[in-house]
Amino acid sequence: MAHAAPTAPGRHRQPAAGATTHMNMAAALAGPLLAGLVYGVYAAFMKRQTGPVDAGNVFYGILCGAIFAACLFALARFGPRLARELHAAAYGAFAGISFGYLYSLSGESIFKCSGLSLLIGAGVGLAAFYRYYTRED
């Protein structure tokens, strides 16, 4: 019956619902910033297409990375407030759009880019729905 033993009072304190610390905010920003950095560098590399690196490519990479990081942060921040279906669909759409844009920079046809983006988006959306459905409160 050890599992039914009472715990000492005050040991498991939960922070207030709206309380965020600097460490939590830094951890919440680190993931999207790192992903945005990688996305921006890859977008700039694909846009360059074996030409010389110039200020336009650097600015393009920074812009793409900042937009990607902002969208990912907003999705991570406000996504849990949505219903699980909409939350999963939002992640699927974000993954499909971001993949499709990078793939379109390679010079492939728009039909191939759109088809692969739909497949990637549907796969991520289904995986996210499964995750949210099985880990529901």
C-alpha atoms as a PDB file:
ATOM      1  CA  MET A   1       0.000   0.000   0.000  1.00  0.00           C
ATOM      2  CA  ALA A   2       2.958   2.299  -0.490  1.00  0.00           C
ATOM      3  CA  HIS A   3       1.212   3.838  -3.462  1.00  0.00           C
ATOM      4  CA  ALA A   4      -1.606   5.041  -1.220  1.00  0.00           C
ATOM      5  CA  ALA A   5       0.665   6.715   1.321  1.00  0.00           C
ATOM      6  CA  PRO A   6      -0.015  10.423   1.832  1.00  0.00           C
ATOM      7  CA  THR A   7       2.610  12.887   0.713  1.00  0.00           C
ATOM      8  CA  ALA A   8       4.086  15.620   2.829  1.00  0.00           C
ATOM      9  CA  PRO A   9       2.152  18.875   2.473  1.00  0.00           C
ATOM     10  CA  GLY A  10       3.713  21.600   0.338  1.00  0.00           C
ATOM     11  CA  ARG A  11       6.119  19.380  -1.574  1.00  0.00           C
ATOM     12  CA  HIS A  12       4.348  19.491  -4.916  1.00  0.00           C
ATOM     13  CA  ARG A  13       3.627  23.144  -5.495  1.00  0.00           C
ATOM     14  CA  GLN A  14       2.360  24.228  -8.875  1.00  0.00           C
ATOM     15  CA  PRO A  15       3.029  27.758 -10.144  1.00  0.00           C
ATOM     16  CA  ALA A  16       0.063  29.989 -10.828  1.00  0.00           C
ATOM     17  CA  ALA A  17      -1.716  29.463 -14.134  1.00  0.00           C
ATOM     18  CA  GLY A  18      -0.433  32.626 -15.798  1.00  0.00           C
ATOM     19  CA  ALA A  19       2.968  32.758 -14.133  1.00  0.00           C
ATOM     20  CA  THR A  20       5.957  32.520 -16.430  1.00  0.00           C
ATOM     21  CA  THR A  21       9.534  32.800 -15.400  1.00  0.00           C
ATOM     22  CA  HIS A  22      12.440  34.058 -17.436  1.00  0.00           C
ATOM     23  CA  MET A  23      13.734  30.513 -17.724  1.00  0.00           C
ATOM     24  CA  ASN A  24      10.427  29.265 -19.145  1.00  0.00           C
ATOM     25  CA  MET A  25      10.327  32.098 -21.659  1.00  0.00           C
ATOM     26  CA  ALA A  26      13.920  31.471 -22.712  1.00  0.00           C
ATOM     27  CA  ALA A  27      13.197  27.770 -23.167  1.00  0.00           C
ATOM     28  CA  ALA A  28      10.054  28.593 -25.164  1.00  0.00           C
ATOM     29  CA  LEU A  29      12.043  30.901 -27.457  1.00  0.00           C
ATOM     30  CA  ALA A  30      15.086  28.664 -27.919  1.00  0.00           C
ATOM     31  CA  GLY A  31      13.387  26.008 -30.036  1.00  0.00           C
ATOM     32  CA  PRO A  32      11.700  28.315 -32.561  1.00  0.00           C
ATOM     33  CA  LEU A  33      14.792  30.526 -32.812  1.00  0.00           C
ATOM     34  CA  LEU A  34      17.048  27.569 -33.535  1.00  0.00           C
ATOM     35  CA  ALA A  35      14.578  26.145 -36.060  1.00  0.00           C
ATOM     36  CA  GLY A  36      14.236  29.599 -37.663  1.00  0.00           C
ATOM     37  CA  LEU A  37      18.002  29.901 -37.913  1.00  0.00           C
ATOM     38  CA  VAL A  38      18.298  26.551 -39.675  1.00  0.00           C
ATOM     39  CA  TYR A  39      15.349  27.362 -41.956  1.00  0.00           C
ATOM     40  CA  GLY A  40      16.763  30.775 -42.845  1.00  0.00           C
ATOM     41  CA  VAL A  41      20.239  29.441 -43.623  1.00  0.00           C
ATOM     42  CA  TYR A  42      18.763  26.713 -45.816  1.00  0.00           C
ATOM     43  CA  ALA A  43      16.459  29.174 -47.609  1.00  0.00           C
ATOM     44  CA  ALA A  44      19.375  31.521 -48.290  1.00  0.00           C
ATOM     45  CA  PHE A  45      21.454  28.599 -49.546  1.00  0.00           C
ATOM     46  CA  MET A  46      18.692  27.468 -51.902  1.00  0.00           C
ATOM     47  CA  LYS A  47      18.078  31.014 -53.152  1.00  0.00           C
ATOM     48  CA  ARG A  48      21.790  31.520 -53.852  1.00  0.00           C
ATOM     49  CA  GLN A  49      21.939  28.582 -56.322  1.00  0.00           C
ATOM     50  CA  THR A  50      25.762  28.287 -56.457  1.00  0.00           C
ATOM     51  CA  GLY A  51      26.265  32.015 -56.999  1.00  0.00           C
ATOM     52  CA  PRO A  52      28.287  34.281 -54.733  1.00  0.00           C
ATOM     53  CA  VAL A  53      26.979  35.180 -51.294  1.00  0.00           C
ATOM     54  CA  ASP A  54      25.808  38.780 -51.237  1.00  0.00           C
ATOM     55  CA  ALA A  55      23.842  41.033 -48.898  1.00  0.00           C
ATOM     56  CA  GLY A  56      20.572  40.128 -50.613  1.00  0.00           C
ATOM     57  CA  ASN A  57      21.012  36.435 -49.812  1.00  0.00           C
ATOM     58  CA  VAL A  58      21.876  37.187 -46.196  1.00  0.00           C
ATOM     59  CA  PHE A  59      18.864  39.482 -45.789  1.00  0.00           C
ATOM     60  CA  TYR A  60      16.645  36.896 -47.478  1.00  0.00           C
ATOM     61  CA  GLY A  61      17.822  34.199 -45.075  1.00  0.00           C
ATOM     62  CA  ILE A  62      17.292  36.425 -42.043  1.00  0.00           C
ATOM     63  CA  LEU A  63      13.820  37.389 -43.228  1.00  0.00           C
ATOM     64  CA  CYS A  64      12.762  33.788 -43.957  1.00  0.00           C
ATOM     65  CA  GLY A  65      14.172  32.584 -40.638  1.00  0.00           C
ATOM     66  CA  ALA A  66      12.472  35.361 -38.655  1.00  0.00           C
ATOM     67  CA  ILE A  67       9.086  34.709 -40.274  1.00  0.00           C
ATOM     68  CA  PHE A  68       9.433  30.951 -39.743  1.00  0.00           C
ATOM     69  CA  ALA A  69      10.452  31.408 -36.080  1.00  0.00           C
ATOM     70  CA  ALA A  70       7.625  33.876 -35.418  1.00  0.00           C
ATOM     71  CA  CYS A  71       5.020  31.547 -36.922  1.00  0.00           C
ATOM     72  CA  LEU A  72       6.379  28.552 -35.037  1.00  0.00           C
ATOM     73  CA  PHE A  73       6.447  30.486 -31.749  1.00  0.00           C
ATOM     74  CA  ALA A  74       2.877  31.724 -32.279  1.00  0.00           C
ATOM     75  CA  LEU A  75       1.711  28.210 -33.107  1.00  0.00           C
ATOM     76  CA  ALA A  76       3.403  26.781 -30.023  1.00  0.00           C
ATOM     77  CA  ARG A  77       2.055  29.569 -27.836  1.00  0.00           C
ATOM     78  CA  PHE A  78      -1.558  29.767 -29.028  1.00  0.00           C
ATOM     79  CA  GLY A  79      -2.035  26.289 -30.502  1.00  0.00           C
ATOM     80  CA  PRO A  80      -2.883  24.533 -27.229  1.00  0.00           C
ATOM     81  CA  ARG A  81      -5.897  26.831 -26.844  1.00  0.00           C
ATOM     82  CA  LEU A  82      -7.427  25.374 -30.006  1.00  0.00           C
ATOM     83  CA  ALA A  83      -9.420  22.180 -30.278  1.00  0.00           C
ATOM     84  CA  ARG A  84      -7.238  19.157 -30.981  1.00  0.00           C
ATOM     85  CA  GLU A  85      -8.431  18.913 -34.583  1.00  0.00           C
ATOM     86  CA  LEU A  86      -7.617  22.542 -35.352  1.00  0.00           C
ATOM     87  CA  HIS A  87      -4.335  22.330 -33.458  1.00  0.00           C
ATOM     88  CA  ALA A  88      -3.226  19.322 -35.498  1.00  0.00           C
ATOM     89  CA  ALA A  89      -4.441  20.919 -38.735  1.00  0.00           C
ATOM     90  CA  ALA A  90      -2.483  24.084 -37.937  1.00  0.00           C
ATOM     91  CA  TYR A  91       0.734  22.112 -37.441  1.00  0.00           C
ATOM     92  CA  GLY A  92       0.060  20.152 -40.626  1.00  0.00           C
ATOM     93  CA  ALA A  93      -0.556  23.314 -42.635  1.00  0.00           C
ATOM     94  CA  PHE A  94       2.546  24.964 -41.195  1.00  0.00           C
ATOM     95  CA  ALA A  95       4.719  21.951 -42.013  1.00  0.00           C
ATOM     96  CA  GLY A  96       3.297  21.630 -45.527  1.00  0.00           C
ATOM     97  CA  ILE A  97       3.664  25.317 -46.344  1.00  0.00           C
ATOM     98  CA  SER A  98       7.183  25.620 -44.954  1.00  0.00           C
ATOM     99  CA  PHE A  99       8.344  22.469 -46.747  1.00  0.00           C
ATOM    100  CA  GLY A 100       6.666  23.479 -49.989  1.00  0.00           C
ATOM    101  CA  TYR A 101       8.272  26.895 -49.982  1.00  0.00           C
ATOM    102  CA  LEU A 102      11.757  25.494 -49.489  1.00  0.00           C
ATOM    103  CA  TYR A 103      11.163  22.841 -52.117  1.00  0.00           C
ATOM    104  CA  SER A 104       9.908  25.429 -54.597  1.00  0.00           C
ATOM    105  CA  LEU A 105      13.233  27.269 -54.275  1.00  0.00           C
ATOM    106  CA  SER A 106      14.942  24.259 -55.845  1.00  0.00           C
ATOM    107  CA  GLY A 107      13.334  24.992 -59.223  1.00  0.00           C
ATOM    108  CA  GLU A 108      11.035  21.968 -59.392  1.00  0.00           C
ATOM    109  CA  SER A 109       7.607  22.218 -60.982  1.00  0.00           C
ATOM    110  CA  ILE A 110       4.820  23.748 -58.950  1.00  0.00           C
ATOM    111  CA  PHE A 111       2.749  20.558 -59.226  1.00  0.00           C
ATOM    112  CA  LYS A 112       5.479  18.441 -57.680  1.00  0.00           C
ATOM    113  CA  CYS A 113       6.023  21.010 -54.925  1.00  0.00           C
ATOM    114  CA  SER A 114       2.296  21.187 -54.202  1.00  0.00           C
ATOM    115  CA  GLY A 115       1.855  17.418 -54.193  1.00  0.00           C
ATOM    116  CA  LEU A 116       4.756  16.772 -51.849  1.00  0.00           C
ATOM    117  CA  SER A 117       3.632  19.641 -49.606  1.00  0.00           C
ATOM    118  CA  LEU A 118       0.171  18.132 -49.337  1.00  0.00           C
ATOM    119  CA  LEU A 119       1.647  14.752 -48.434  1.00  0.00           C
ATOM    120  CA  ILE A 120       3.985  16.244 -45.823  1.00  0.00           C
ATOM    121  CA  GLY A 121       1.225  18.422 -44.369  1.00  0.00           C
ATOM    122  CA  ALA A 122      -1.236  15.532 -44.203  1.00  0.00           C
ATOM    123  CA  GLY A 123       1.336  13.278 -42.550  1.00  0.00           C
ATOM    124  CA  VAL A 124       2.301  15.849 -39.938  1.00  0.00           C
ATOM    125  CA  GLY A 125      -1.350  16.717 -39.327  1.00  0.00           C
ATOM    126  CA  LEU A 126      -2.297  13.077 -38.795  1.00  0.00           C
ATOM    127  CA  ALA A 127       0.678  12.469 -36.510  1.00  0.00           C
ATOM    128  CA  ALA A 128      -0.157  15.587 -34.485  1.00  0.00           C
ATOM    129  CA  PHE A 129      -3.821  14.578 -34.238  1.00  0.00           C
ATOM    130  CA  TYR A 130      -2.839  11.126 -33.021  1.00  0.00           C
ATOM    131  CA  ARG A 131      -0.541  12.667 -30.414  1.00  0.00           C
ATOM    132  CA  TYR A 132      -3.159  15.123 -29.170  1.00  0.00           C
ATOM    133  CA  TYR A 133      -5.933  12.509 -29.212  1.00  0.00           C
ATOM    134  CA  THR A 134      -3.959   9.991 -27.151  1.00  0.00           C
ATOM    135  CA  ARG A 135      -2.657  12.543 -24.641  1.00  0.00           C
ATOM    136  CA  GLU A 136      -5.889  14.345 -23.944  1.00  0.00           C
ATOM    137  CA  ASP A 137      -6.769  15.438 -20.396  1.00  0.00           C
END
